[in-house]
């Protein structure tokens, strides 16, 4: 297998992600997130002098996941939040999974690294009458073509954004207005 550069592998993977978005197999938001992580990985590895895809070891990948960064105002964050670390790890995992699928590598540098801890879920809270009224308004008038009102309701009930996608009807306690 030729030792492909990280940049050329990334460009080929981005092309595949773009195709997946156009075919409806990948959301545009997910692809955008993965691309941003990949661009940051390119800058990070270039600073280390790592230019080949197969030269990204578990140590390099972990250093990238744990690397300092900047907040939205450009201030330095020396220790990234676990959510940021999970996004970075997910992006690198996706990059290598697609690169393996394309036959560009056989590596999976984050495979054996420990999982990033998650905070304990907040206890679900009851929705107030005002919350329910606002949700009904948005569901009926403000957001008739979307699921935003449902997402808002689940967030107001105490769920994290990552939990919403796994919520089922059996998680709803309608008589008590709780999730």
N, C-alpha and C. Protein backbone atom coordinates (compact mmCIF):
# COMPACT_ATOMS: atom_id res chain seq x y z
N UNK A 1 0.84 -1.18 0.00
CA UNK A 1 0.00 0.00 0.00
C UNK A 1 0.89 1.24 0.00
N UNK A 2 0.65 2.19 -0.91
CA UNK A 2 1.49 3.38 -0.96
C UNK A 2 1.29 4.25 0.28
N UNK A 3 2.33 4.94 0.64
CA UNK A 3 2.25 5.82 1.81
C UNK A 3 1.67 7.16 1.36
N UNK A 4 0.38 7.27 1.47
CA UNK A 4 -0.35 8.44 1.00
C UNK A 4 -0.23 9.58 2.00
N UNK A 5 -0.20 10.80 1.50
CA UNK A 5 -0.14 11.94 2.41
C UNK A 5 -1.49 12.11 3.09
N UNK A 6 -1.45 12.69 4.25
CA UNK A 6 -2.68 12.96 4.98
C UNK A 6 -3.56 13.91 4.18
N UNK A 7 -2.97 14.92 3.56
CA UNK A 7 -3.73 15.90 2.80
C UNK A 7 -4.47 15.25 1.63
N UNK A 8 -3.80 14.40 0.86
CA UNK A 8 -4.47 13.77 -0.28
C UNK A 8 -5.53 12.77 0.19
N UNK A 9 -5.26 12.06 1.29
CA UNK A 9 -6.27 11.14 1.85
C UNK A 9 -7.48 11.94 2.32
N UNK A 10 -7.23 13.05 2.97
CA UNK A 10 -8.32 13.88 3.47
C UNK A 10 -9.18 14.39 2.31
N UNK A 11 -8.56 14.84 1.25
CA UNK A 11 -9.32 15.34 0.09
C UNK A 11 -10.18 14.23 -0.52
N UNK A 12 -9.64 13.03 -0.61
CA UNK A 12 -10.44 11.91 -1.14
C UNK A 12 -11.60 11.56 -0.21
N UNK A 13 -11.35 11.60 1.08
CA UNK A 13 -12.40 11.30 2.06
C UNK A 13 -13.48 12.38 2.01
N UNK A 14 -13.08 13.64 1.92
CA UNK A 14 -14.05 14.73 1.82
C UNK A 14 -14.93 14.55 0.59
N UNK A 15 -14.33 14.12 -0.50
CA UNK A 15 -15.12 13.86 -1.71
C UNK A 15 -16.16 12.76 -1.44
N UNK A 16 -15.77 11.72 -0.73
CA UNK A 16 -16.70 10.64 -0.39
C UNK A 16 -17.81 11.14 0.54
N UNK A 17 -17.44 11.97 1.52
CA UNK A 17 -18.45 12.52 2.42
C UNK A 17 -19.42 13.42 1.65
N UNK A 18 -18.91 14.20 0.70
CA UNK A 18 -19.77 15.06 -0.12
C UNK A 18 -20.76 14.20 -0.91
N UNK A 19 -20.28 13.11 -1.47
CA UNK A 19 -21.16 12.19 -2.20
C UNK A 19 -22.21 11.60 -1.27
N UNK A 20 -21.79 11.22 -0.07
CA UNK A 20 -22.73 10.64 0.91
C UNK A 20 -23.80 11.66 1.31
N UNK A 21 -23.43 12.93 1.42
CA UNK A 21 -24.41 13.97 1.74
C UNK A 21 -25.41 14.10 0.59
N UNK A 22 -24.91 14.16 -0.64
CA UNK A 22 -25.80 14.30 -1.80
C UNK A 22 -26.74 13.12 -1.94
N UNK A 23 -26.30 11.94 -1.53
CA UNK A 23 -27.13 10.74 -1.62
C UNK A 23 -27.99 10.51 -0.38
N UNK A 24 -27.87 11.40 0.60
CA UNK A 24 -28.68 11.28 1.81
C UNK A 24 -28.19 10.25 2.81
N UNK A 25 -26.96 9.78 2.67
CA UNK A 25 -26.42 8.79 3.59
C UNK A 25 -25.70 9.43 4.78
N UNK A 26 -25.46 10.74 4.71
CA UNK A 26 -24.75 11.48 5.75
C UNK A 26 -25.35 12.87 5.80
N UNK A 27 -25.57 13.37 7.01
CA UNK A 27 -26.14 14.72 7.10
C UNK A 27 -25.07 15.76 6.77
N UNK A 28 -25.50 16.87 6.24
CA UNK A 28 -24.58 17.95 5.90
C UNK A 28 -23.88 18.47 7.15
N UNK A 29 -24.59 18.52 8.27
CA UNK A 29 -24.00 19.01 9.51
C UNK A 29 -22.89 18.09 10.01
N UNK A 30 -23.12 16.79 9.90
CA UNK A 30 -22.10 15.83 10.32
C UNK A 30 -20.88 15.93 9.43
N UNK A 31 -21.10 16.00 8.12
CA UNK A 31 -19.99 16.14 7.19
C UNK A 31 -19.20 17.41 7.48
N UNK A 32 -19.89 18.50 7.73
CA UNK A 32 -19.22 19.77 8.03
C UNK A 32 -18.38 19.65 9.29
N UNK A 33 -18.93 19.00 10.31
CA UNK A 33 -18.20 18.81 11.55
C UNK A 33 -16.94 17.96 11.32
N UNK A 34 -17.08 16.86 10.58
CA UNK A 34 -15.94 16.00 10.29
C UNK A 34 -14.88 16.75 9.47
N UNK A 35 -15.31 17.56 8.54
CA UNK A 35 -14.37 18.31 7.71
C UNK A 35 -13.59 19.32 8.56
N UNK A 36 -14.28 20.00 9.45
CA UNK A 36 -13.60 20.96 10.34
C UNK A 36 -12.56 20.24 11.20
N UNK A 37 -12.93 19.08 11.73
CA UNK A 37 -11.98 18.31 12.54
C UNK A 37 -10.80 17.90 11.67
N UNK A 38 -11.07 17.43 10.45
CA UNK A 38 -9.99 17.03 9.55
C UNK A 38 -9.05 18.17 9.21
N UNK A 39 -9.60 19.36 8.99
CA UNK A 39 -8.75 20.53 8.70
C UNK A 39 -7.86 20.86 9.89
N UNK A 40 -8.44 20.76 11.09
CA UNK A 40 -7.64 21.01 12.30
C UNK A 40 -6.56 19.94 12.47
N UNK A 41 -6.92 18.71 12.15
CA UNK A 41 -5.93 17.62 12.22
C UNK A 41 -4.78 17.88 11.25
N UNK A 42 -5.09 18.35 10.06
CA UNK A 42 -4.04 18.67 9.09
C UNK A 42 -3.08 19.72 9.65
N UNK A 43 -3.61 20.78 10.24
CA UNK A 43 -2.75 21.83 10.81
C UNK A 43 -1.94 21.29 11.99
N UNK A 44 -2.59 20.49 12.83
CA UNK A 44 -1.93 19.94 14.01
C UNK A 44 -0.77 19.04 13.60
N UNK A 45 -1.03 18.12 12.68
CA UNK A 45 0.03 17.18 12.28
C UNK A 45 1.13 17.88 11.50
N UNK A 46 0.78 18.89 10.71
CA UNK A 46 1.81 19.65 9.99
C UNK A 46 2.77 20.31 10.98
N UNK A 47 2.23 20.83 12.07
CA UNK A 47 3.07 21.46 13.09
C UNK A 47 4.00 20.44 13.74
N UNK A 48 3.59 19.18 13.77
CA UNK A 48 4.43 18.11 14.33
C UNK A 48 5.37 17.51 13.29
N UNK A 49 5.20 17.90 12.02
CA UNK A 49 6.01 17.33 10.95
C UNK A 49 5.50 15.98 10.47
N UNK A 50 4.26 15.65 10.80
CA UNK A 50 3.64 14.39 10.37
C UNK A 50 2.82 14.69 9.13
N UNK A 51 3.22 14.11 8.01
CA UNK A 51 2.52 14.42 6.75
C UNK A 51 1.86 13.21 6.11
N UNK A 52 2.20 12.01 6.54
CA UNK A 52 1.65 10.79 5.95
C UNK A 52 0.52 10.23 6.82
N UNK A 53 -0.51 9.75 6.18
CA UNK A 53 -1.67 9.20 6.88
C UNK A 53 -1.25 8.10 7.86
N UNK A 54 -0.43 7.18 7.41
CA UNK A 54 -0.04 6.05 8.26
C UNK A 54 0.94 6.43 9.36
N UNK A 55 1.40 7.67 9.38
CA UNK A 55 2.29 8.12 10.46
C UNK A 55 1.51 8.67 11.65
N UNK A 56 0.20 8.71 11.53
CA UNK A 56 -0.61 9.15 12.66
C UNK A 56 -0.80 7.95 13.58
N UNK A 57 -0.08 7.97 14.67
CA UNK A 57 -0.12 6.89 15.65
C UNK A 57 -1.20 7.19 16.69
N UNK A 58 -1.39 6.24 17.59
CA UNK A 58 -2.35 6.48 18.67
C UNK A 58 -1.89 7.64 19.56
N UNK A 59 -0.59 7.81 19.69
CA UNK A 59 -0.06 8.91 20.51
C UNK A 59 -0.37 10.26 19.84
N UNK A 60 -0.15 10.35 18.55
CA UNK A 60 -0.44 11.59 17.81
C UNK A 60 -1.94 11.88 17.84
N UNK A 61 -2.74 10.85 17.60
CA UNK A 61 -4.19 11.03 17.59
C UNK A 61 -4.69 11.47 18.97
N UNK A 62 -4.19 10.86 20.03
CA UNK A 62 -4.61 11.25 21.38
C UNK A 62 -4.16 12.68 21.68
N UNK A 63 -2.96 13.04 21.25
CA UNK A 63 -2.48 14.41 21.47
C UNK A 63 -3.39 15.41 20.76
N UNK A 64 -3.86 15.06 19.56
CA UNK A 64 -4.79 15.94 18.84
C UNK A 64 -6.11 16.07 19.59
N UNK A 65 -6.65 14.96 20.03
CA UNK A 65 -7.93 14.98 20.75
C UNK A 65 -7.83 15.83 22.01
N UNK A 66 -6.70 15.78 22.69
CA UNK A 66 -6.50 16.49 23.95
C UNK A 66 -5.87 17.87 23.79
N UNK A 67 -5.59 18.30 22.57
CA UNK A 67 -4.86 19.55 22.32
C UNK A 67 -5.63 20.78 22.78
N UNK A 68 -4.92 21.80 23.25
CA UNK A 68 -5.59 23.07 23.56
C UNK A 68 -6.26 23.63 22.31
N UNK A 69 -7.19 24.49 22.52
CA UNK A 69 -7.89 25.11 21.40
C UNK A 69 -8.33 26.51 21.75
N UNK A 70 -9.26 27.04 20.98
CA UNK A 70 -9.77 28.39 21.21
C UNK A 70 -11.29 28.35 21.28
N UNK A 71 -11.84 29.23 22.11
CA UNK A 71 -13.29 29.33 22.18
C UNK A 71 -13.79 30.22 21.04
N UNK A 72 -15.08 30.45 21.00
CA UNK A 72 -15.67 31.24 19.90
C UNK A 72 -15.19 32.67 19.87
N UNK A 73 -14.69 33.17 20.99
CA UNK A 73 -14.17 34.53 21.04
C UNK A 73 -12.66 34.57 20.78
N UNK A 74 -12.08 33.42 20.49
CA UNK A 74 -10.65 33.36 20.18
C UNK A 74 -9.75 33.22 21.38
N UNK A 75 -10.32 33.04 22.57
CA UNK A 75 -9.51 32.87 23.77
C UNK A 75 -8.99 31.45 23.86
N UNK A 76 -7.77 31.31 24.38
CA UNK A 76 -7.13 30.00 24.50
C UNK A 76 -7.82 29.16 25.57
N UNK A 77 -8.11 27.91 25.21
CA UNK A 77 -8.66 26.93 26.14
C UNK A 77 -7.58 25.85 26.28
N UNK A 78 -6.93 25.80 27.43
CA UNK A 78 -5.82 24.86 27.59
C UNK A 78 -6.28 23.42 27.73
N UNK A 79 -7.44 23.23 28.36
CA UNK A 79 -7.98 21.88 28.52
C UNK A 79 -9.35 21.85 27.86
N UNK A 80 -9.45 21.18 26.71
CA UNK A 80 -10.74 21.18 26.02
C UNK A 80 -11.80 20.40 26.80
N UNK A 81 -13.04 20.82 26.63
CA UNK A 81 -14.15 20.13 27.27
C UNK A 81 -14.27 18.72 26.70
N UNK A 82 -14.84 17.83 27.49
CA UNK A 82 -15.02 16.45 27.02
C UNK A 82 -15.85 16.40 25.74
N UNK A 83 -16.82 17.29 25.61
CA UNK A 83 -17.63 17.30 24.39
C UNK A 83 -16.78 17.65 23.18
N UNK A 84 -15.85 18.59 23.33
CA UNK A 84 -14.93 18.95 22.24
C UNK A 84 -14.04 17.77 21.91
N UNK A 85 -13.55 17.10 22.93
CA UNK A 85 -12.69 15.93 22.72
C UNK A 85 -13.45 14.83 21.99
N UNK A 86 -14.74 14.63 22.34
CA UNK A 86 -15.54 13.61 21.67
C UNK A 86 -15.75 13.95 20.20
N UNK A 87 -15.98 15.24 19.89
CA UNK A 87 -16.14 15.65 18.49
C UNK A 87 -14.86 15.40 17.72
N UNK A 88 -13.73 15.75 18.30
CA UNK A 88 -12.44 15.51 17.63
C UNK A 88 -12.22 14.02 17.39
N UNK A 89 -12.47 13.23 18.43
CA UNK A 89 -12.28 11.78 18.30
C UNK A 89 -13.20 11.20 17.25
N UNK A 90 -14.44 11.62 17.24
CA UNK A 90 -15.40 11.14 16.26
C UNK A 90 -14.96 11.51 14.84
N UNK A 91 -14.48 12.73 14.65
CA UNK A 91 -14.02 13.16 13.34
C UNK A 91 -12.82 12.36 12.85
N UNK A 92 -11.87 12.12 13.73
CA UNK A 92 -10.69 11.34 13.35
C UNK A 92 -11.09 9.89 13.08
N UNK A 93 -11.96 9.33 13.91
CA UNK A 93 -12.46 7.98 13.67
C UNK A 93 -13.13 7.88 12.30
N UNK A 94 -13.97 8.87 11.99
CA UNK A 94 -14.68 8.87 10.70
C UNK A 94 -13.70 8.99 9.54
N UNK A 95 -12.70 9.84 9.69
CA UNK A 95 -11.69 10.01 8.64
C UNK A 95 -10.99 8.69 8.37
N UNK A 96 -10.54 8.02 9.41
CA UNK A 96 -9.82 6.76 9.22
C UNK A 96 -10.74 5.64 8.74
N UNK A 97 -11.99 5.62 9.21
CA UNK A 97 -12.93 4.60 8.74
C UNK A 97 -13.14 4.73 7.23
N UNK A 98 -13.35 5.96 6.77
CA UNK A 98 -13.55 6.18 5.33
C UNK A 98 -12.27 5.89 4.56
N UNK A 99 -11.13 6.28 5.11
CA UNK A 99 -9.85 6.02 4.44
C UNK A 99 -9.60 4.51 4.33
N UNK A 100 -9.98 3.75 5.36
CA UNK A 100 -9.85 2.29 5.28
C UNK A 100 -10.80 1.75 4.21
N UNK A 101 -12.01 2.27 4.18
CA UNK A 101 -12.99 1.85 3.16
C UNK A 101 -12.47 2.10 1.75
N UNK A 102 -11.75 3.20 1.57
CA UNK A 102 -11.20 3.55 0.26
C UNK A 102 -9.89 2.80 -0.04
N UNK A 103 -9.40 2.04 0.91
CA UNK A 103 -8.16 1.30 0.72
C UNK A 103 -6.91 2.15 0.87
N UNK A 104 -7.03 3.29 1.54
CA UNK A 104 -5.89 4.19 1.70
C UNK A 104 -5.03 3.85 2.90
N UNK A 105 -5.57 3.08 3.84
CA UNK A 105 -4.85 2.72 5.05
C UNK A 105 -5.51 1.50 5.67
N UNK A 106 -4.81 0.91 6.61
CA UNK A 106 -5.40 -0.16 7.42
C UNK A 106 -5.42 0.24 8.89
N UNK A 107 -4.99 1.46 9.16
CA UNK A 107 -4.84 1.92 10.55
C UNK A 107 -6.15 2.43 11.14
N UNK A 108 -6.21 2.34 12.46
CA UNK A 108 -7.31 2.89 13.26
C UNK A 108 -6.68 3.40 14.56
N UNK A 109 -6.04 4.58 14.52
CA UNK A 109 -5.22 5.01 15.65
C UNK A 109 -5.96 5.26 16.96
N UNK A 110 -7.25 5.48 16.93
CA UNK A 110 -7.98 5.74 18.18
C UNK A 110 -8.69 4.50 18.72
N UNK A 111 -8.55 3.39 18.03
CA UNK A 111 -9.30 2.18 18.36
C UNK A 111 -9.10 1.72 19.80
N UNK A 112 -7.87 1.69 20.26
CA UNK A 112 -7.59 1.14 21.58
C UNK A 112 -7.48 2.20 22.68
N UNK A 113 -7.80 3.44 22.36
CA UNK A 113 -7.72 4.48 23.37
C UNK A 113 -8.96 4.45 24.26
N UNK A 114 -8.82 4.86 25.51
CA UNK A 114 -9.96 4.79 26.43
C UNK A 114 -11.08 5.74 26.00
N UNK A 115 -12.31 5.40 26.34
CA UNK A 115 -13.42 6.29 25.98
C UNK A 115 -13.35 7.59 26.78
N UNK A 116 -13.90 8.63 26.22
CA UNK A 116 -13.95 9.92 26.90
C UNK A 116 -15.16 9.89 27.82
N UNK A 117 -14.95 10.21 29.10
CA UNK A 117 -16.07 10.09 30.05
C UNK A 117 -17.20 11.06 29.72
N UNK A 118 -18.38 10.65 30.07
CA UNK A 118 -19.58 11.50 29.92
C UNK A 118 -20.05 11.92 31.30
N UNK A 119 -20.59 13.11 31.37
CA UNK A 119 -21.14 13.56 32.64
C UNK A 119 -22.42 12.79 32.93
N UNK A 120 -22.75 12.70 34.20
CA UNK A 120 -23.98 12.01 34.60
C UNK A 120 -25.17 12.79 34.06
N UNK A 121 -26.18 12.09 33.58
CA UNK A 121 -27.35 12.81 33.06
C UNK A 121 -28.03 13.62 34.16
N UNK A 122 -28.51 14.78 33.76
CA UNK A 122 -29.26 15.61 34.70
C UNK A 122 -30.59 14.93 34.97
N UNK A 123 -31.10 15.10 36.17
CA UNK A 123 -32.44 14.54 36.42
C UNK A 123 -33.46 15.27 35.56
N UNK A 124 -34.35 14.50 34.97
CA UNK A 124 -35.37 15.10 34.12
C UNK A 124 -36.33 15.92 34.98
N UNK A 125 -36.70 17.06 34.47
CA UNK A 125 -37.61 17.93 35.20
C UNK A 125 -38.96 18.00 34.52
N UNK A 126 -39.94 18.39 35.28
CA UNK A 126 -41.27 18.54 34.73
C UNK A 126 -41.35 19.85 33.95
N UNK A 127 -42.13 19.85 32.90
CA UNK A 127 -42.35 21.07 32.14
C UNK A 127 -43.42 21.89 32.85
N UNK A 128 -43.19 23.18 32.91
CA UNK A 128 -44.20 24.06 33.51
C UNK A 128 -45.31 24.30 32.50
N UNK A 129 -46.43 24.83 32.99
CA UNK A 129 -47.54 25.15 32.09
C UNK A 129 -47.09 26.16 31.03
N UNK A 130 -46.24 27.08 31.44
CA UNK A 130 -45.73 28.09 30.49
C UNK A 130 -44.87 27.43 29.41
N UNK A 131 -44.01 26.47 29.81
CA UNK A 131 -43.19 25.74 28.84
C UNK A 131 -44.08 25.00 27.84
N UNK A 132 -45.10 24.32 28.36
CA UNK A 132 -45.99 23.56 27.50
C UNK A 132 -46.72 24.48 26.53
N UNK A 133 -47.15 25.63 27.03
CA UNK A 133 -47.85 26.61 26.18
C UNK A 133 -46.93 27.11 25.07
N UNK A 134 -45.69 27.42 25.41
CA UNK A 134 -44.73 27.89 24.41
C UNK A 134 -44.45 26.80 23.37
N UNK A 135 -44.30 25.57 23.81
CA UNK A 135 -44.04 24.47 22.89
C UNK A 135 -45.22 24.25 21.95
N UNK A 136 -46.41 24.31 22.49
CA UNK A 136 -47.60 24.14 21.65
C UNK A 136 -47.66 25.24 20.59
N UNK A 137 -47.37 26.49 21.01
CA UNK A 137 -47.39 27.60 20.06
C UNK A 137 -46.41 27.34 18.92
N UNK A 138 -45.17 27.00 19.28
CA UNK A 138 -44.15 26.78 18.25
C UNK A 138 -44.47 25.57 17.38
N UNK A 139 -45.00 24.52 18.00
CA UNK A 139 -45.32 23.33 17.23
C UNK A 139 -46.46 23.58 16.25
N UNK A 140 -47.42 24.39 16.66
CA UNK A 140 -48.60 24.62 15.81
C UNK A 140 -48.41 25.77 14.83
N UNK A 141 -47.69 26.81 15.23
CA UNK A 141 -47.60 28.01 14.39
C UNK A 141 -46.17 28.37 13.99
N UNK A 142 -45.27 28.30 14.94
CA UNK A 142 -43.92 28.80 14.70
C UNK A 142 -43.02 27.86 13.94
N UNK A 143 -43.22 26.56 14.10
CA UNK A 143 -42.32 25.60 13.47
C UNK A 143 -43.11 24.43 12.89
N UNK A 144 -44.07 24.68 12.03
CA UNK A 144 -44.94 23.58 11.59
C UNK A 144 -44.24 22.50 10.76
N UNK A 145 -43.16 22.81 10.10
CA UNK A 145 -42.52 21.85 9.21
C UNK A 145 -41.28 21.19 9.84
N UNK A 146 -41.02 21.43 11.11
CA UNK A 146 -39.78 20.93 11.71
C UNK A 146 -40.04 20.19 13.01
N UNK A 147 -38.96 19.67 13.55
CA UNK A 147 -39.02 18.99 14.83
C UNK A 147 -38.42 19.85 15.94
N UNK A 148 -38.20 21.14 15.67
CA UNK A 148 -37.55 22.00 16.66
C UNK A 148 -38.32 22.06 17.98
N UNK A 149 -39.63 22.12 17.91
CA UNK A 149 -40.43 22.20 19.14
C UNK A 149 -40.24 20.94 19.99
N UNK A 150 -40.16 19.80 19.36
CA UNK A 150 -39.94 18.56 20.09
C UNK A 150 -38.57 18.56 20.75
N UNK A 151 -37.57 18.98 20.00
CA UNK A 151 -36.21 19.06 20.55
C UNK A 151 -36.19 20.03 21.72
N UNK A 152 -36.81 21.19 21.56
CA UNK A 152 -36.87 22.16 22.63
C UNK A 152 -37.53 21.57 23.87
N UNK A 153 -38.63 20.86 23.68
CA UNK A 153 -39.32 20.23 24.80
C UNK A 153 -38.45 19.22 25.52
N UNK A 154 -37.72 18.43 24.76
CA UNK A 154 -36.85 17.42 25.38
C UNK A 154 -35.70 18.09 26.12
N UNK A 155 -35.17 19.17 25.57
CA UNK A 155 -34.12 19.91 26.28
C UNK A 155 -34.65 20.53 27.57
N UNK A 156 -35.84 21.11 27.49
CA UNK A 156 -36.44 21.71 28.68
C UNK A 156 -36.75 20.68 29.75
N UNK A 157 -36.95 19.43 29.34
CA UNK A 157 -37.26 18.40 30.31
C UNK A 157 -36.01 17.83 30.97
N UNK A 158 -34.82 18.27 30.52
CA UNK A 158 -33.58 17.88 31.19
C UNK A 158 -32.66 16.99 30.39
N UNK A 159 -32.99 16.66 29.16
CA UNK A 159 -32.12 15.80 28.37
C UNK A 159 -30.96 16.58 27.78
N UNK A 160 -29.84 15.90 27.58
CA UNK A 160 -28.70 16.46 26.85
C UNK A 160 -28.97 16.28 25.36
N UNK A 161 -28.33 17.08 24.53
CA UNK A 161 -28.55 16.97 23.09
C UNK A 161 -28.20 15.59 22.56
N UNK A 162 -27.17 14.96 23.12
CA UNK A 162 -26.79 13.63 22.67
C UNK A 162 -27.80 12.56 23.03
N UNK A 163 -28.65 12.82 24.01
CA UNK A 163 -29.64 11.83 24.43
C UNK A 163 -30.92 11.90 23.61
N UNK A 164 -31.16 13.03 22.99
CA UNK A 164 -32.43 13.24 22.29
C UNK A 164 -32.63 12.23 21.17
N UNK A 165 -31.57 11.93 20.43
CA UNK A 165 -31.68 11.00 19.32
C UNK A 165 -32.04 9.58 19.75
N UNK A 166 -31.81 9.26 21.01
CA UNK A 166 -32.10 7.92 21.50
C UNK A 166 -33.42 7.86 22.28
N UNK A 167 -34.11 8.97 22.37
CA UNK A 167 -35.36 9.02 23.12
C UNK A 167 -36.47 8.37 22.30
N UNK A 168 -37.25 7.54 22.96
CA UNK A 168 -38.38 6.88 22.30
C UNK A 168 -39.68 7.27 23.00
N UNK A 169 -40.78 6.91 22.41
CA UNK A 169 -42.09 7.21 22.98
C UNK A 169 -42.21 6.60 24.37
N UNK A 170 -41.58 5.46 24.60
CA UNK A 170 -41.67 4.82 25.91
C UNK A 170 -40.98 5.63 27.01
N UNK A 171 -40.16 6.63 26.63
CA UNK A 171 -39.51 7.49 27.61
C UNK A 171 -40.40 8.64 28.07
N UNK A 172 -41.55 8.80 27.44
CA UNK A 172 -42.46 9.90 27.76
C UNK A 172 -43.46 9.48 28.83
N UNK A 173 -43.64 10.34 29.82
CA UNK A 173 -44.65 10.16 30.85
C UNK A 173 -45.62 11.32 30.67
N UNK A 174 -46.56 11.15 29.74
CA UNK A 174 -47.48 12.24 29.38
C UNK A 174 -48.37 12.69 30.54
N UNK A 175 -48.92 11.78 31.34
CA UNK A 175 -49.79 12.25 32.44
C UNK A 175 -49.04 13.17 33.42
N UNK A 176 -47.75 12.97 33.59
CA UNK A 176 -46.97 13.78 34.53
C UNK A 176 -46.10 14.82 33.83
N UNK A 177 -46.22 14.92 32.50
CA UNK A 177 -45.45 15.89 31.70
C UNK A 177 -43.96 15.77 31.97
N UNK A 178 -43.46 14.53 31.92
CA UNK A 178 -42.03 14.27 32.20
C UNK A 178 -41.45 13.36 31.13
N UNK A 179 -40.15 13.45 30.99
CA UNK A 179 -39.43 12.53 30.11
C UNK A 179 -38.53 11.69 30.99
